[in-house]
């Protein structure tokens, strides 16, 4: 009898693991009202809130938690997405290499040590990106060298909503 009960519990756990996961916006982001005059399709990053907003329209946006630049590494301004990459390789920029001289020249895409996570969207100018992370505990903090970090599920969701040329405003 005890064995049958354990089997039933294990079966229930297995069946619940097969449930369809909610989309990333409902997993970590939320549909919110946004009192701003940004055009639909714009990405707005509010550094002090550690939130990225994807403007839907009619005063609504999807808000995602993000990790942003640490003190002295933050920036503000306008840019646009100029490249979109799935499982990108990463070459540490000089400023990162200065602080971490033992890093390899390239960390391959898909590596658990690659800070870009599952996807990245480079911003015009080539210095910064909006990307996933393999350090989910960093989300919600001031942690990066200026890039915007997202949960891997959230960058995947946003990646599927935007395209090259999407306007990005960092405040």
Protein backbone atom coordinates (compact mmCIF):
# COMPACT_ATOMS: atom_id res chain seq x y z
CA UNK A 1 0.00 0.00 0.00
CA UNK A 2 2.79 2.39 0.91
CA UNK A 3 4.50 1.68 -2.43
CA UNK A 4 1.29 2.49 -4.33
CA UNK A 5 0.95 5.83 -2.49
CA UNK A 6 4.55 6.77 -3.35
CA UNK A 7 3.89 5.86 -6.97
CA UNK A 8 0.77 8.06 -7.03
CA UNK A 9 2.75 11.03 -5.62
CA UNK A 10 5.56 10.51 -8.13
CA UNK A 11 3.05 10.22 -10.99
CA UNK A 12 1.30 13.42 -9.92
CA UNK A 13 4.64 15.27 -9.79
CA UNK A 14 5.55 13.99 -13.24
CA UNK A 15 2.21 14.98 -14.76
CA UNK A 16 2.42 18.48 -13.26
CA UNK A 17 5.93 18.88 -14.71
CA UNK A 18 4.44 18.32 -18.17
CA UNK A 19 2.10 21.27 -17.83
CA UNK A 20 2.65 23.97 -20.41
CA UNK A 21 4.76 26.73 -18.93
CA UNK A 22 3.23 30.21 -19.01
CA UNK A 23 4.81 32.65 -21.40
CA UNK A 24 7.79 34.51 -20.00
CA UNK A 25 5.90 37.77 -19.62
CA UNK A 26 3.57 36.17 -17.10
CA UNK A 27 6.43 34.23 -15.51
CA UNK A 28 8.58 37.22 -14.58
CA UNK A 29 7.04 40.26 -16.21
CA UNK A 30 3.64 41.77 -15.86
CA UNK A 31 1.27 43.77 -17.98
CA UNK A 32 1.32 47.26 -16.46
CA UNK A 33 -0.05 50.70 -17.18
CA UNK A 34 2.61 53.14 -18.34
CA UNK A 35 2.10 56.89 -18.20
CA UNK A 36 4.56 57.75 -20.91
CA UNK A 37 4.30 58.81 -24.51
CA UNK A 38 6.46 56.12 -26.07
CA UNK A 39 5.39 54.53 -29.33
CA UNK A 40 4.27 50.89 -29.27
CA UNK A 41 7.22 48.60 -29.85
CA UNK A 42 9.67 50.74 -27.89
CA UNK A 43 11.86 49.24 -25.17
CA UNK A 44 12.24 51.51 -22.13
CA UNK A 45 14.76 50.66 -19.41
CA UNK A 46 14.33 52.49 -16.12
CA UNK A 47 17.67 51.92 -14.44
CA UNK A 48 16.66 53.05 -10.94
CA UNK A 49 13.64 50.73 -11.01
CA UNK A 50 15.69 47.89 -12.49
CA UNK A 51 12.85 47.28 -14.94
CA UNK A 52 12.61 46.97 -18.69
CA UNK A 53 9.29 47.92 -20.28
CA UNK A 54 8.18 46.77 -23.70
CA UNK A 55 5.53 49.26 -24.77
CA UNK A 56 2.43 47.55 -26.15
CA UNK A 57 0.28 50.62 -26.70
CA UNK A 58 -2.81 52.21 -25.16
CA UNK A 59 -0.75 53.10 -22.10
CA UNK A 60 0.23 49.47 -21.51
CA UNK A 61 3.59 47.74 -21.36
CA UNK A 62 5.09 44.44 -20.33
CA UNK A 63 7.46 45.03 -17.42
CA UNK A 64 10.40 42.69 -16.87
CA UNK A 65 12.85 42.74 -13.95
CA UNK A 66 16.45 43.33 -15.07
CA UNK A 67 19.98 43.70 -13.80
CA UNK A 68 21.60 46.98 -14.79
CA UNK A 69 24.96 48.75 -14.66
CA UNK A 70 26.69 49.05 -11.33
CA UNK A 71 27.83 52.43 -9.98
CA UNK A 72 30.08 54.12 -12.51
CA UNK A 73 28.99 51.77 -15.30
CA UNK A 74 25.46 53.05 -15.91
CA UNK A 75 24.45 55.00 -18.96
CA UNK A 76 21.36 56.75 -20.24
CA UNK A 77 20.23 57.67 -23.71
CA UNK A 78 18.65 56.32 -26.84
CA UNK A 79 19.77 53.52 -29.10
CA UNK A 80 18.28 50.75 -31.16
CA UNK A 81 18.73 47.02 -31.57
CA UNK A 82 21.29 46.42 -34.31
CA UNK A 83 21.78 42.67 -33.93
CA UNK A 84 19.92 39.66 -32.53
CA UNK A 85 21.77 36.49 -31.54
CA UNK A 86 20.74 33.11 -30.14
CA UNK A 87 23.32 31.42 -27.89
CA UNK A 88 25.96 34.04 -28.70
CA UNK A 89 29.63 33.57 -28.03
CA UNK A 90 31.09 36.33 -25.83
CA UNK A 91 34.42 38.12 -25.98
CA UNK A 92 35.09 40.12 -22.83
CA UNK A 93 35.52 43.83 -23.61
CA UNK A 94 38.70 45.55 -22.41
CA UNK A 95 37.01 47.04 -19.33
CA UNK A 96 35.90 43.58 -18.19
CA UNK A 97 39.25 42.01 -19.04
CA UNK A 98 40.97 44.69 -16.94
CA UNK A 99 38.99 43.56 -13.87
CA UNK A 100 39.15 39.84 -14.77
CA UNK A 101 42.44 39.22 -16.63
CA UNK A 102 42.11 35.42 -16.47
CA UNK A 103 39.02 35.28 -18.68
CA UNK A 104 39.49 33.49 -22.01
CA UNK A 105 39.38 35.52 -25.22
CA UNK A 106 36.06 33.92 -26.20
CA UNK A 107 33.46 32.03 -24.19
CA UNK A 108 31.40 29.86 -26.54
CA UNK A 109 27.64 30.21 -26.81
CA UNK A 110 25.80 27.72 -24.66
CA UNK A 111 28.60 27.52 -22.10
CA UNK A 112 27.39 27.81 -18.49
CA UNK A 113 30.17 30.40 -18.05
CA UNK A 114 28.89 32.62 -20.86
CA UNK A 115 27.31 35.72 -19.28
CA UNK A 116 25.10 36.35 -22.33
CA UNK A 117 22.67 33.55 -21.51
CA UNK A 118 20.42 32.12 -24.20
CA UNK A 119 20.08 35.23 -26.37
CA UNK A 120 21.39 38.74 -26.83
CA UNK A 121 20.35 41.86 -28.68
CA UNK A 122 23.25 44.21 -29.35
CA UNK A 123 22.62 47.93 -29.23
CA UNK A 124 23.91 50.38 -31.83
CA UNK A 125 27.44 51.43 -31.02
CA UNK A 126 28.46 47.90 -30.08
CA UNK A 127 29.30 48.57 -26.44
CA UNK A 128 26.13 47.30 -24.75
CA UNK A 129 23.47 44.63 -25.15
CA UNK A 130 20.22 43.43 -23.68
CA UNK A 131 20.86 39.78 -22.92
CA UNK A 132 20.00 36.75 -20.84
CA UNK A 133 22.11 35.55 -17.96
CA UNK A 134 23.30 32.36 -16.39
CA UNK A 135 23.30 34.16 -13.03
CA UNK A 136 19.58 34.66 -12.34
CA UNK A 137 20.35 35.92 -8.83
CA UNK A 138 21.82 39.06 -10.41
CA UNK A 139 18.44 40.17 -11.78
CA UNK A 140 17.05 43.13 -9.86
CA UNK A 141 20.47 44.47 -8.92
CA UNK A 142 23.12 46.95 -10.08
CA UNK A 143 25.61 44.39 -11.37
CA UNK A 144 26.74 44.81 -14.96
CA UNK A 145 29.25 46.86 -16.91
CA UNK A 146 26.35 48.65 -18.59
CA UNK A 147 24.47 45.83 -20.27
CA UNK A 148 20.86 45.03 -19.39
CA UNK A 149 20.49 41.48 -18.01
CA UNK A 150 17.26 39.53 -18.14
CA UNK A 151 16.12 36.11 -17.00
CA UNK A 152 16.69 33.68 -19.89
CA UNK A 153 12.95 33.04 -20.21
CA UNK A 154 12.30 36.79 -20.37
CA UNK A 155 14.96 37.56 -22.99
CA UNK A 156 13.48 34.73 -25.07
CA UNK A 157 10.02 36.27 -24.77
CA UNK A 158 11.25 39.78 -25.61
CA UNK A 159 13.46 38.46 -28.44
CA UNK A 160 10.33 37.06 -30.10
CA UNK A 161 8.51 40.42 -29.82
CA UNK A 162 11.15 42.76 -31.28
CA UNK A 163 13.32 43.08 -34.36
CA UNK A 164 16.47 44.82 -35.54
CA UNK A 165 15.75 48.55 -35.48
CA UNK A 166 13.59 48.49 -32.33
CA UNK A 167 14.08 51.75 -30.40
CA UNK A 168 15.63 51.44 -26.94
CA UNK A 169 15.46 54.24 -24.37
CA UNK A 170 17.54 53.95 -21.19
CA UNK A 171 16.63 56.34 -18.42
